[in-house]
């Protein structure tokens, strides 16, 4: 792992959910769909207008990744935090769950988390998205619907991260390009995908 990409200079992040489905069609036009492989997130980060010093700092970090070889973390702007203003505490999983489940229970948090918020479990790097609102009550057990399905086992020592959710990623290609204009500003676009 090769550090954390600073997102201080990025003005937008476009996140894509990538799934793989195989379609086949019979002679009678019946379509058969089958899910293959797992899900992963990809991200396009677009910078604001940067000074030469800022662009050099970002370009240097990206070059240290040796193209697609190294992985690193990124906390995307805005979407790495819950949309809720009253969520607090540290939700802790209440049982052991094996890979493949789409719903888990936890307690210890309070306030609400919103459908579409990104979360992460403390024992592995995969990022999930909530499929429904969760109204946490610190004294009760709350149900968390997640997408995609759980990829690694979690147990009652696992906590849920819902703010500053970091994505473990690698660069999508081996090129690192930045553009400069006659006004002396620079722009970098960075394309990454989740490392699972």
N, C-alpha and C. Protein backbone atom coordinates (compact mmCIF):
# COMPACT_ATOMS: atom_id res chain seq x y z
N UNK A 1 0.86 -1.17 0.00
CA UNK A 1 0.00 0.00 0.00
C UNK A 1 0.90 1.23 0.00
N UNK A 2 0.47 2.24 -0.76
CA UNK A 2 1.35 3.37 -0.97
C UNK A 2 0.71 4.70 -0.58
N UNK A 3 0.14 4.79 0.61
CA UNK A 3 -0.33 6.08 1.12
C UNK A 3 -1.77 6.41 0.83
N UNK A 4 -2.13 7.65 1.12
CA UNK A 4 -3.49 8.15 0.89
C UNK A 4 -3.44 9.36 -0.02
N UNK A 5 -4.26 9.33 -1.06
CA UNK A 5 -4.35 10.44 -2.01
C UNK A 5 -5.11 11.58 -1.35
N UNK A 6 -4.50 12.74 -1.30
CA UNK A 6 -5.17 13.92 -0.75
C UNK A 6 -6.25 14.37 -1.72
N UNK A 7 -7.46 14.55 -1.22
CA UNK A 7 -8.55 15.01 -2.08
C UNK A 7 -8.84 16.49 -1.84
N UNK A 8 -7.92 17.19 -1.19
CA UNK A 8 -8.11 18.62 -0.92
C UNK A 8 -8.28 19.43 -2.19
N UNK A 9 -7.71 18.98 -3.28
CA UNK A 9 -7.70 19.77 -4.51
C UNK A 9 -8.72 19.30 -5.54
N UNK A 10 -9.54 18.32 -5.20
CA UNK A 10 -10.52 17.80 -6.15
C UNK A 10 -11.86 18.47 -5.92
N UNK A 11 -12.51 18.84 -7.02
CA UNK A 11 -13.81 19.52 -6.91
C UNK A 11 -14.98 18.58 -7.14
N UNK A 12 -14.73 17.40 -7.72
CA UNK A 12 -15.84 16.48 -7.93
C UNK A 12 -15.35 15.04 -7.97
N UNK A 13 -16.25 14.14 -7.64
CA UNK A 13 -15.97 12.71 -7.71
C UNK A 13 -17.18 12.03 -8.35
N UNK A 14 -16.93 11.24 -9.36
CA UNK A 14 -17.99 10.47 -10.01
C UNK A 14 -17.75 9.00 -9.66
N UNK A 15 -18.72 8.40 -8.96
CA UNK A 15 -18.56 7.02 -8.51
C UNK A 15 -19.49 6.11 -9.31
N UNK A 16 -18.94 4.98 -9.75
CA UNK A 16 -19.69 4.01 -10.55
C UNK A 16 -19.69 2.67 -9.85
N UNK A 17 -20.84 2.03 -9.79
CA UNK A 17 -20.95 0.66 -9.31
C UNK A 17 -20.82 -0.26 -10.51
N UNK A 18 -19.86 -1.16 -10.46
CA UNK A 18 -19.59 -2.07 -11.57
C UNK A 18 -19.98 -3.50 -11.21
N UNK A 19 -20.89 -4.06 -11.97
CA UNK A 19 -21.28 -5.45 -11.81
C UNK A 19 -21.17 -6.14 -13.16
N UNK A 20 -21.07 -7.44 -13.14
CA UNK A 20 -20.95 -8.18 -14.38
C UNK A 20 -22.12 -9.15 -14.50
N UNK A 21 -22.81 -9.04 -15.62
CA UNK A 21 -23.95 -9.92 -15.90
C UNK A 21 -23.75 -10.55 -17.26
N UNK A 22 -24.01 -11.82 -17.37
CA UNK A 22 -23.93 -12.50 -18.66
C UNK A 22 -25.35 -12.74 -19.16
N UNK A 23 -25.62 -12.28 -20.39
CA UNK A 23 -26.93 -12.47 -21.01
C UNK A 23 -26.81 -13.47 -22.15
N UNK A 24 -27.79 -14.33 -22.26
CA UNK A 24 -27.88 -15.20 -23.43
C UNK A 24 -29.34 -15.26 -23.84
N UNK A 25 -29.55 -15.43 -25.11
CA UNK A 25 -30.90 -15.42 -25.65
C UNK A 25 -31.14 -16.72 -26.42
N UNK A 26 -32.30 -17.35 -26.14
CA UNK A 26 -32.64 -18.59 -26.83
C UNK A 26 -33.28 -18.27 -28.18
N UNK A 27 -33.48 -19.28 -28.98
CA UNK A 27 -34.12 -19.09 -30.28
C UNK A 27 -35.55 -18.57 -30.15
N UNK A 28 -36.18 -18.87 -29.02
CA UNK A 28 -37.54 -18.38 -28.80
C UNK A 28 -37.55 -16.98 -28.16
N UNK A 29 -36.40 -16.34 -28.10
CA UNK A 29 -36.22 -14.98 -27.57
C UNK A 29 -36.31 -14.86 -26.05
N UNK A 30 -36.25 -15.97 -25.38
CA UNK A 30 -36.18 -15.91 -23.92
C UNK A 30 -34.76 -15.48 -23.54
N UNK A 31 -34.68 -14.50 -22.65
CA UNK A 31 -33.38 -13.99 -22.22
C UNK A 31 -33.05 -14.58 -20.85
N UNK A 32 -31.86 -15.13 -20.75
CA UNK A 32 -31.39 -15.70 -19.49
C UNK A 32 -30.27 -14.80 -18.98
N UNK A 33 -30.42 -14.33 -17.74
CA UNK A 33 -29.44 -13.44 -17.13
C UNK A 33 -28.78 -14.15 -15.96
N UNK A 34 -27.46 -13.96 -15.87
CA UNK A 34 -26.72 -14.60 -14.79
C UNK A 34 -25.64 -13.64 -14.29
N UNK A 35 -25.61 -13.47 -12.99
CA UNK A 35 -24.58 -12.62 -12.40
C UNK A 35 -23.28 -13.40 -12.32
N UNK A 36 -22.19 -12.78 -12.78
CA UNK A 36 -20.88 -13.42 -12.69
C UNK A 36 -19.91 -12.45 -12.03
N UNK A 37 -18.99 -12.97 -11.30
CA UNK A 37 -18.02 -12.11 -10.64
C UNK A 37 -18.66 -11.30 -9.54
N UNK A 38 -17.87 -10.42 -8.96
CA UNK A 38 -18.35 -9.58 -7.87
C UNK A 38 -18.52 -8.14 -8.30
N UNK A 39 -18.93 -7.33 -7.37
CA UNK A 39 -19.14 -5.90 -7.61
C UNK A 39 -17.90 -5.15 -7.14
N UNK A 40 -17.59 -4.04 -7.83
CA UNK A 40 -16.55 -3.13 -7.36
C UNK A 40 -16.93 -1.70 -7.74
N UNK A 41 -16.37 -0.74 -7.01
CA UNK A 41 -16.60 0.68 -7.27
C UNK A 41 -15.46 1.22 -8.11
N UNK A 42 -15.77 2.13 -9.02
CA UNK A 42 -14.73 2.89 -9.71
C UNK A 42 -15.05 4.36 -9.52
N UNK A 43 -14.03 5.20 -9.67
CA UNK A 43 -14.18 6.60 -9.34
C UNK A 43 -13.38 7.47 -10.30
N UNK A 44 -13.98 8.58 -10.73
CA UNK A 44 -13.28 9.61 -11.50
C UNK A 44 -13.22 10.86 -10.64
N UNK A 45 -12.02 11.27 -10.31
CA UNK A 45 -11.82 12.48 -9.52
C UNK A 45 -11.35 13.59 -10.45
N UNK A 46 -12.00 14.74 -10.40
CA UNK A 46 -11.63 15.89 -11.24
C UNK A 46 -11.16 17.01 -10.34
N UNK A 47 -10.00 17.55 -10.68
CA UNK A 47 -9.44 18.60 -9.85
C UNK A 47 -10.04 19.95 -10.18
N UNK A 48 -9.95 20.85 -9.22
CA UNK A 48 -10.23 22.27 -9.45
C UNK A 48 -9.00 22.83 -10.15
N UNK A 49 -9.01 24.10 -10.46
CA UNK A 49 -7.81 24.74 -11.00
C UNK A 49 -6.74 24.73 -9.92
N UNK A 50 -5.57 24.20 -10.26
CA UNK A 50 -4.48 24.03 -9.29
C UNK A 50 -3.31 24.95 -9.61
N UNK A 51 -2.58 25.30 -8.58
CA UNK A 51 -1.31 25.99 -8.80
C UNK A 51 -0.28 24.95 -9.26
N UNK A 52 0.85 25.43 -9.73
CA UNK A 52 1.89 24.49 -10.16
C UNK A 52 2.37 23.63 -8.99
N UNK A 53 2.51 24.21 -7.81
CA UNK A 53 2.93 23.44 -6.63
C UNK A 53 1.92 22.34 -6.30
N UNK A 54 0.63 22.69 -6.32
CA UNK A 54 -0.40 21.69 -6.01
C UNK A 54 -0.39 20.57 -7.05
N UNK A 55 -0.31 20.93 -8.32
CA UNK A 55 -0.30 19.92 -9.39
C UNK A 55 0.93 19.03 -9.27
N UNK A 56 2.06 19.59 -8.92
CA UNK A 56 3.29 18.80 -8.77
C UNK A 56 3.17 17.82 -7.62
N UNK A 57 2.55 18.25 -6.53
CA UNK A 57 2.34 17.36 -5.38
C UNK A 57 1.47 16.17 -5.77
N UNK A 58 0.34 16.44 -6.45
CA UNK A 58 -0.55 15.35 -6.86
C UNK A 58 0.11 14.45 -7.89
N UNK A 59 0.76 15.04 -8.88
CA UNK A 59 1.42 14.26 -9.92
C UNK A 59 2.51 13.37 -9.33
N UNK A 60 3.26 13.89 -8.38
CA UNK A 60 4.31 13.12 -7.72
C UNK A 60 3.72 11.91 -6.99
N UNK A 61 2.61 12.13 -6.27
CA UNK A 61 1.95 11.01 -5.58
C UNK A 61 1.52 9.95 -6.58
N UNK A 62 0.89 10.38 -7.67
CA UNK A 62 0.40 9.42 -8.67
C UNK A 62 1.55 8.67 -9.34
N UNK A 63 2.65 9.35 -9.62
CA UNK A 63 3.80 8.67 -10.22
C UNK A 63 4.41 7.64 -9.28
N UNK A 64 4.35 7.88 -7.98
CA UNK A 64 4.87 6.91 -7.00
C UNK A 64 4.06 5.62 -6.99
N UNK A 65 2.87 5.64 -7.57
CA UNK A 65 2.04 4.42 -7.60
C UNK A 65 2.52 3.43 -8.65
N UNK A 66 3.48 3.87 -9.49
CA UNK A 66 4.04 2.98 -10.51
C UNK A 66 2.94 2.42 -11.41
N UNK A 67 2.16 3.33 -11.98
CA UNK A 67 1.05 2.92 -12.84
C UNK A 67 -0.02 2.21 -12.02
N UNK A 68 -0.47 1.07 -12.51
CA UNK A 68 -1.51 0.29 -11.83
C UNK A 68 -0.97 -0.61 -10.73
N UNK A 69 0.35 -0.58 -10.51
CA UNK A 69 0.98 -1.57 -9.64
C UNK A 69 0.61 -1.43 -8.16
N UNK A 70 0.71 -0.22 -7.62
CA UNK A 70 0.46 -0.01 -6.19
C UNK A 70 -1.01 0.28 -5.92
N UNK A 71 -1.45 -0.01 -4.70
CA UNK A 71 -2.77 0.43 -4.28
C UNK A 71 -2.61 1.49 -3.19
N UNK A 72 -3.64 2.29 -3.02
CA UNK A 72 -3.61 3.38 -2.06
C UNK A 72 -5.03 3.66 -1.62
N UNK A 73 -5.23 4.56 -0.68
CA UNK A 73 -6.58 4.88 -0.23
C UNK A 73 -6.95 6.29 -0.67
N UNK A 74 -8.25 6.48 -0.82
CA UNK A 74 -8.78 7.80 -1.13
C UNK A 74 -10.09 7.97 -0.36
N UNK A 75 -10.25 9.12 0.26
CA UNK A 75 -11.51 9.47 0.91
C UNK A 75 -12.15 10.53 0.02
N UNK A 76 -13.14 10.12 -0.79
CA UNK A 76 -13.70 11.07 -1.76
C UNK A 76 -14.41 12.24 -1.07
N UNK A 77 -14.39 13.42 -1.70
CA UNK A 77 -15.06 14.57 -1.10
C UNK A 77 -16.56 14.34 -0.99
N UNK A 78 -17.16 14.85 0.05
CA UNK A 78 -18.60 14.89 0.33
C UNK A 78 -19.19 13.50 0.59
N UNK A 79 -19.12 12.59 -0.36
CA UNK A 79 -19.84 11.32 -0.25
C UNK A 79 -19.23 10.33 0.72
N UNK A 80 -18.06 10.63 1.25
CA UNK A 80 -17.44 9.72 2.21
C UNK A 80 -18.07 9.83 3.60
N UNK A 81 -18.98 10.77 3.78
CA UNK A 81 -19.66 10.95 5.06
C UNK A 81 -21.16 10.75 4.90
N UNK A 82 -21.80 10.29 5.98
CA UNK A 82 -23.24 10.12 5.97
C UNK A 82 -23.93 11.45 5.71
N UNK A 83 -25.11 11.40 5.11
CA UNK A 83 -25.91 12.61 4.89
C UNK A 83 -26.62 13.04 6.17
N UNK A 84 -26.67 12.18 7.14
CA UNK A 84 -27.36 12.47 8.40
C UNK A 84 -26.57 13.49 9.22
N UNK A 85 -27.28 14.32 9.93
CA UNK A 85 -26.61 15.30 10.80
C UNK A 85 -26.63 14.87 12.26
N UNK A 86 -27.32 13.76 12.56
CA UNK A 86 -27.43 13.37 13.96
C UNK A 86 -26.83 12.01 14.28
N UNK A 87 -26.12 11.39 13.33
CA UNK A 87 -25.52 10.07 13.58
C UNK A 87 -24.31 10.21 14.49
N UNK A 88 -24.22 9.33 15.48
CA UNK A 88 -23.07 9.33 16.37
C UNK A 88 -22.86 7.93 16.92
N UNK A 89 -21.76 7.75 17.60
CA UNK A 89 -21.45 6.46 18.19
C UNK A 89 -20.77 5.53 17.20
N UNK A 90 -20.49 4.33 17.68
CA UNK A 90 -19.81 3.32 16.87
C UNK A 90 -20.66 2.06 16.85
N UNK A 91 -21.44 1.85 15.78
CA UNK A 91 -22.23 0.63 15.69
C UNK A 91 -21.31 -0.59 15.65
N UNK A 92 -21.64 -1.61 16.43
CA UNK A 92 -20.86 -2.85 16.48
C UNK A 92 -21.77 -4.01 16.08
N UNK A 93 -21.27 -4.85 15.18
CA UNK A 93 -22.03 -6.00 14.68
C UNK A 93 -22.40 -6.91 15.85
N UNK A 94 -23.61 -7.48 15.83
CA UNK A 94 -24.10 -8.26 16.97
C UNK A 94 -23.92 -9.77 16.84
N UNK A 95 -23.52 -10.26 15.67
CA UNK A 95 -23.39 -11.71 15.48
C UNK A 95 -22.33 -11.96 14.42
N UNK A 96 -22.09 -13.23 14.12
CA UNK A 96 -21.17 -13.59 13.03
C UNK A 96 -21.97 -13.74 11.76
N UNK A 97 -21.49 -13.11 10.68
CA UNK A 97 -22.13 -13.20 9.37
C UNK A 97 -21.11 -13.67 8.35
N UNK A 98 -21.52 -14.60 7.52
CA UNK A 98 -20.66 -15.14 6.48
C UNK A 98 -20.87 -14.39 5.17
N UNK A 99 -19.91 -14.47 4.26
CA UNK A 99 -20.08 -13.81 2.96
C UNK A 99 -21.38 -14.23 2.27
N UNK A 100 -21.98 -13.29 1.55
CA UNK A 100 -23.20 -13.58 0.79
C UNK A 100 -24.46 -12.99 1.36
N UNK A 101 -24.42 -12.48 2.61
CA UNK A 101 -25.64 -11.90 3.19
C UNK A 101 -25.77 -10.44 2.78
N UNK A 102 -27.00 -9.96 2.73
CA UNK A 102 -27.25 -8.58 2.33
C UNK A 102 -27.86 -7.76 3.46
N UNK A 103 -27.89 -8.32 4.65
CA UNK A 103 -28.46 -7.63 5.79
C UNK A 103 -27.74 -8.11 7.05
N UNK A 104 -27.35 -7.16 7.91
CA UNK A 104 -26.69 -7.50 9.17
C UNK A 104 -27.31 -6.66 10.28
N UNK A 105 -27.05 -7.05 11.53
CA UNK A 105 -27.54 -6.27 12.66
C UNK A 105 -26.36 -5.74 13.46
N UNK A 106 -26.58 -4.57 14.08
CA UNK A 106 -25.55 -3.94 14.90
C UNK A 106 -26.24 -3.09 15.96
N UNK A 107 -25.50 -2.76 17.00
CA UNK A 107 -26.01 -1.81 17.99
C UNK A 107 -24.88 -0.93 18.49
N UNK A 108 -25.22 0.12 19.21
CA UNK A 108 -24.21 1.02 19.76
C UNK A 108 -24.15 2.37 19.10
N UNK A 109 -24.82 2.52 17.96
CA UNK A 109 -24.87 3.82 17.30
C UNK A 109 -26.17 4.52 17.64
N UNK A 110 -26.23 5.81 17.39
CA UNK A 110 -27.48 6.54 17.57
C UNK A 110 -27.65 7.51 16.41
N UNK A 111 -28.89 7.93 16.21
CA UNK A 111 -29.19 8.79 15.08
C UNK A 111 -29.43 7.97 13.82
N UNK A 112 -29.66 8.65 12.72
CA UNK A 112 -30.01 7.92 11.50
C UNK A 112 -28.86 7.91 10.51
N UNK A 113 -28.82 6.84 9.72
CA UNK A 113 -27.97 6.74 8.54
C UNK A 113 -28.92 6.63 7.36
N UNK A 114 -28.53 7.10 6.21
CA UNK A 114 -29.44 7.21 5.07
C UNK A 114 -29.14 6.20 3.98
N UNK A 115 -30.19 5.75 3.30
CA UNK A 115 -30.02 4.89 2.13
C UNK A 115 -29.11 5.60 1.15
N UNK A 116 -28.15 4.88 0.62
CA UNK A 116 -27.18 5.47 -0.30
C UNK A 116 -25.88 5.87 0.37
N UNK A 117 -25.86 5.97 1.71
CA UNK A 117 -24.61 6.26 2.42
C UNK A 117 -23.64 5.11 2.22
N UNK A 118 -22.35 5.45 2.14
CA UNK A 118 -21.32 4.42 2.07
C UNK A 118 -20.88 4.05 3.48
N UNK A 119 -20.65 2.75 3.69
CA UNK A 119 -20.13 2.27 4.96
C UNK A 119 -19.02 1.28 4.69
N UNK A 120 -18.29 0.97 5.77
CA UNK A 120 -17.20 0.02 5.68
C UNK A 120 -17.13 -0.71 7.02
N UNK A 121 -16.73 -1.97 6.97
CA UNK A 121 -16.55 -2.74 8.20
C UNK A 121 -15.08 -2.68 8.61
N UNK A 122 -14.83 -2.66 9.91
CA UNK A 122 -13.47 -2.43 10.41
C UNK A 122 -12.50 -3.57 10.10
N UNK A 123 -12.99 -4.75 9.70
CA UNK A 123 -12.07 -5.87 9.49
C UNK A 123 -11.69 -6.13 8.03
N UNK A 124 -12.22 -5.34 7.08
CA UNK A 124 -11.79 -5.50 5.68
C UNK A 124 -12.01 -4.22 4.88
N UNK A 125 -11.47 -4.19 3.67
CA UNK A 125 -11.40 -2.95 2.89
C UNK A 125 -12.59 -2.69 1.97
N UNK A 126 -13.45 -3.65 1.72
CA UNK A 126 -14.57 -3.47 0.80
C UNK A 126 -15.51 -2.38 1.30
N UNK A 127 -15.99 -1.53 0.38
CA UNK A 127 -16.95 -0.48 0.72
C UNK A 127 -18.34 -0.93 0.27
N UNK A 128 -19.33 -0.69 1.12
CA UNK A 128 -20.72 -1.07 0.87
C UNK A 128 -21.58 0.19 0.86
N UNK A 129 -22.80 0.04 0.34
CA UNK A 129 -23.76 1.13 0.34
C UNK A 129 -25.02 0.66 1.07
N UNK A 130 -25.58 1.53 1.91
CA UNK A 130 -26.81 1.18 2.61
C UNK A 130 -27.98 1.17 1.62
N UNK A 131 -28.83 0.16 1.72
CA UNK A 131 -29.98 0.05 0.81
C UNK A 131 -31.26 0.62 1.40
N UNK A 132 -31.23 0.98 2.67
CA UNK A 132 -32.40 1.57 3.34
C UNK A 132 -31.91 2.43 4.49
N UNK A 133 -32.75 3.36 4.92
CA UNK A 133 -32.41 4.17 6.09
C UNK A 133 -32.28 3.28 7.31
N UNK A 134 -31.39 3.66 8.23
CA UNK A 134 -31.22 2.95 9.50
C UNK A 134 -31.42 3.97 10.60
N UNK A 135 -32.46 3.77 11.42
CA UNK A 135 -32.71 4.64 12.57
C UNK A 135 -32.10 3.96 13.79
N UNK A 136 -30.91 4.39 14.16
CA UNK A 136 -30.18 3.76 15.24
C UNK A 136 -30.66 4.26 16.60
N UNK A 137 -30.79 3.32 17.50
CA UNK A 137 -31.11 3.61 18.88
C UNK A 137 -30.04 2.89 19.69
N UNK A 138 -29.23 3.60 20.40
CA UNK A 138 -28.06 3.02 21.08
C UNK A 138 -28.39 1.81 21.93
N UNK A 139 -29.64 1.67 22.36
CA UNK A 139 -29.99 0.57 23.26
C UNK A 139 -30.67 -0.60 22.54
N UNK A 140 -30.87 -0.51 21.23
CA UNK A 140 -31.55 -1.60 20.53
C UNK A 140 -30.68 -2.13 19.39
N UNK A 141 -31.11 -3.24 18.81
CA UNK A 141 -30.40 -3.84 17.68
C UNK A 141 -31.02 -3.28 16.40
N UNK A 142 -30.17 -2.78 15.51
CA UNK A 142 -30.62 -2.15 14.29
C UNK A 142 -30.20 -2.98 13.08
N UNK A 143 -31.02 -2.98 12.04
CA UNK A 143 -30.75 -3.76 10.83
C UNK A 143 -30.17 -2.86 9.74
N UNK A 144 -29.08 -3.31 9.16
CA UNK A 144 -28.38 -2.60 8.09
C UNK A 144 -28.49 -3.42 6.81
N UNK A 145 -29.24 -2.93 5.81
CA UNK A 145 -29.26 -3.55 4.50
C UNK A 145 -28.09 -3.01 3.69
N UNK A 146 -27.32 -3.90 3.06
CA UNK A 146 -26.11 -3.47 2.35
C UNK A 146 -26.08 -3.96 0.91
N UNK A 147 -25.38 -3.19 0.08
CA UNK A 147 -25.08 -3.59 -1.29
C UNK A 147 -23.62 -3.29 -1.53
N UNK A 148 -22.89 -4.19 -2.13
CA UNK A 148 -23.25 -5.54 -2.54
C UNK A 148 -23.33 -6.46 -1.33
N UNK A 149 -23.51 -7.74 -1.58
CA UNK A 149 -23.54 -8.69 -0.47
C UNK A 149 -22.18 -8.71 0.22
N UNK A 150 -22.18 -9.12 1.45
CA UNK A 150 -20.97 -9.19 2.26
C UNK A 150 -19.92 -10.07 1.57
N UNK A 151 -18.68 -9.58 1.51
CA UNK A 151 -17.62 -10.31 0.82
C UNK A 151 -16.70 -11.07 1.77
N UNK A 152 -16.67 -10.69 3.04
CA UNK A 152 -15.83 -11.36 4.03
C UNK A 152 -16.62 -11.52 5.32
N UNK A 153 -16.24 -12.53 6.10
CA UNK A 153 -16.92 -12.77 7.37
C UNK A 153 -16.71 -11.60 8.33
N UNK A 154 -17.76 -11.25 9.05
CA UNK A 154 -17.68 -10.27 10.12
C UNK A 154 -18.24 -10.92 11.39
N UNK A 155 -17.83 -10.40 12.55
CA UNK A 155 -18.33 -10.97 13.81
C UNK A 155 -18.60 -9.85 14.81
N UNK A 156 -18.87 -10.24 16.05
CA UNK A 156 -19.30 -9.26 17.06
C UNK A 156 -18.19 -8.32 17.52
N UNK A 157 -16.98 -8.47 16.98
CA UNK A 157 -15.92 -7.49 17.29
C UNK A 157 -15.77 -6.46 16.17
N UNK A 158 -16.58 -6.58 15.11
CA UNK A 158 -16.46 -5.71 13.94
C UNK A 158 -17.32 -4.47 14.13
N UNK A 159 -16.74 -3.31 13.86
CA UNK A 159 -17.49 -2.06 13.93
C UNK A 159 -17.79 -1.55 12.53
N UNK A 160 -18.73 -0.60 12.45
CA UNK A 160 -19.16 -0.03 11.17
C UNK A 160 -18.67 1.42 11.09
N UNK A 161 -18.00 1.74 9.99
CA UNK A 161 -17.50 3.09 9.73
C UNK A 161 -18.46 3.77 8.77
N UNK A 162 -18.94 4.97 9.10
CA UNK A 162 -19.89 5.66 8.22
C UNK A 162 -19.46 7.10 7.92
N UNK A 163 -18.39 7.57 8.51
CA UNK A 163 -17.81 8.89 8.19
C UNK A 163 -16.35 8.71 7.81
N UNK A 164 -15.88 9.52 6.87
CA UNK A 164 -14.51 9.39 6.35
C UNK A 164 -14.25 7.98 5.85
N UNK A 165 -15.19 7.46 5.09
CA UNK A 165 -15.07 6.11 4.52
C UNK A 165 -14.00 6.15 3.43
N UNK A 166 -12.95 5.38 3.63
CA UNK A 166 -11.85 5.36 2.66
C UNK A 166 -12.02 4.18 1.71
N UNK A 167 -11.73 4.42 0.45
CA UNK A 167 -11.75 3.39 -0.58
C UNK A 167 -10.32 2.95 -0.84
N UNK A 168 -10.05 1.65 -0.81
CA UNK A 168 -8.74 1.13 -1.22
C UNK A 168 -8.81 0.95 -2.73
N UNK A 169 -7.92 1.63 -3.45
CA UNK A 169 -8.03 1.70 -4.91
C UNK A 169 -6.67 1.53 -5.58
N UNK A 170 -6.70 1.40 -6.92
CA UNK A 170 -5.50 1.49 -7.74
C UNK A 170 -5.86 2.26 -9.01
N UNK A 171 -4.85 2.80 -9.67
CA UNK A 171 -5.07 3.57 -10.89
C UNK A 171 -5.59 2.66 -12.00
N UNK A 172 -6.49 3.17 -12.82
CA UNK A 172 -7.10 2.39 -13.90
C UNK A 172 -6.13 2.17 -15.06
N UNK A 173 -5.18 3.07 -15.25
CA UNK A 173 -4.21 2.89 -16.33
C UNK A 173 -2.82 3.29 -15.86
N UNK A 174 -1.85 3.10 -16.74
CA UNK A 174 -0.46 3.35 -16.39
C UNK A 174 0.00 4.76 -16.73
N UNK A 175 -0.87 5.60 -17.27
CA UNK A 175 -0.50 6.96 -17.65
C UNK A 175 -0.92 7.95 -16.56
N UNK A 176 -0.11 8.98 -16.40
CA UNK A 176 -0.41 10.06 -15.45
C UNK A 176 -0.27 11.36 -16.22
N UNK A 177 -1.39 12.03 -16.50
CA UNK A 177 -1.39 13.23 -17.34
C UNK A 177 -1.99 14.40 -16.59
N UNK A 178 -1.37 15.56 -16.73
CA UNK A 178 -2.00 16.77 -16.23
C UNK A 178 -1.94 17.82 -17.33
N UNK A 179 -2.88 18.74 -17.28
CA UNK A 179 -2.97 19.78 -18.32
C UNK A 179 -2.75 21.14 -17.69
N UNK A 180 -2.12 22.02 -18.45
CA UNK A 180 -1.91 23.38 -17.99
C UNK A 180 -2.46 24.36 -19.04
N UNK A 181 -2.91 25.50 -18.58
CA UNK A 181 -3.45 26.52 -19.47
C UNK A 181 -2.56 27.74 -19.49
N UNK A 182 -2.87 28.67 -20.36
CA UNK A 182 -2.08 29.90 -20.46
C UNK A 182 -2.23 30.79 -19.23
N UNK A 183 -3.26 30.51 -18.42
CA UNK A 183 -3.44 31.30 -17.19
C UNK A 183 -2.56 30.79 -16.04
N UNK A 184 -1.78 29.73 -16.29
CA UNK A 184 -0.86 29.21 -15.27
C UNK A 184 -1.49 28.22 -14.31
N UNK A 185 -2.74 27.82 -14.56
CA UNK A 185 -3.36 26.82 -13.70
C UNK A 185 -3.22 25.44 -14.32
N UNK A 186 -3.38 24.41 -13.49
CA UNK A 186 -3.24 23.02 -13.90
C UNK A 186 -4.50 22.25 -13.53
N UNK A 187 -4.75 21.17 -14.25
CA UNK A 187 -5.88 20.28 -13.93
C UNK A 187 -5.43 18.84 -14.06
N UNK A 188 -5.90 18.01 -13.12
CA UNK A 188 -5.64 16.58 -13.16
C UNK A 188 -6.96 15.85 -13.03
N UNK A 189 -7.15 14.82 -13.82
CA UNK A 189 -8.26 13.89 -13.68
C UNK A 189 -7.66 12.55 -13.32
N UNK A 190 -8.19 11.91 -12.30
CA UNK A 190 -7.65 10.65 -11.81
C UNK A 190 -8.76 9.61 -11.85
N UNK A 191 -8.49 8.49 -12.52
CA UNK A 191 -9.44 7.37 -12.61
C UNK A 191 -8.90 6.20 -11.81
N UNK A 192 -9.69 5.73 -10.86
CA UNK A 192 -9.28 4.62 -9.99
C UNK A 192 -10.39 3.59 -9.91
N UNK A 193 -10.03 2.38 -9.48
CA UNK A 193 -11.02 1.37 -9.18
C UNK A 193 -10.70 0.70 -7.87
N UNK A 194 -11.73 0.17 -7.25
CA UNK A 194 -11.59 -0.44 -5.94
C UNK A 194 -10.73 -1.68 -6.01
N UNK A 195 -9.82 -1.80 -5.05
CA UNK A 195 -8.99 -3.00 -4.86
C UNK A 195 -9.71 -3.88 -3.86
N UNK A 196 -10.00 -5.10 -4.26
CA UNK A 196 -10.73 -6.00 -3.36
C UNK A 196 -9.85 -7.16 -2.94
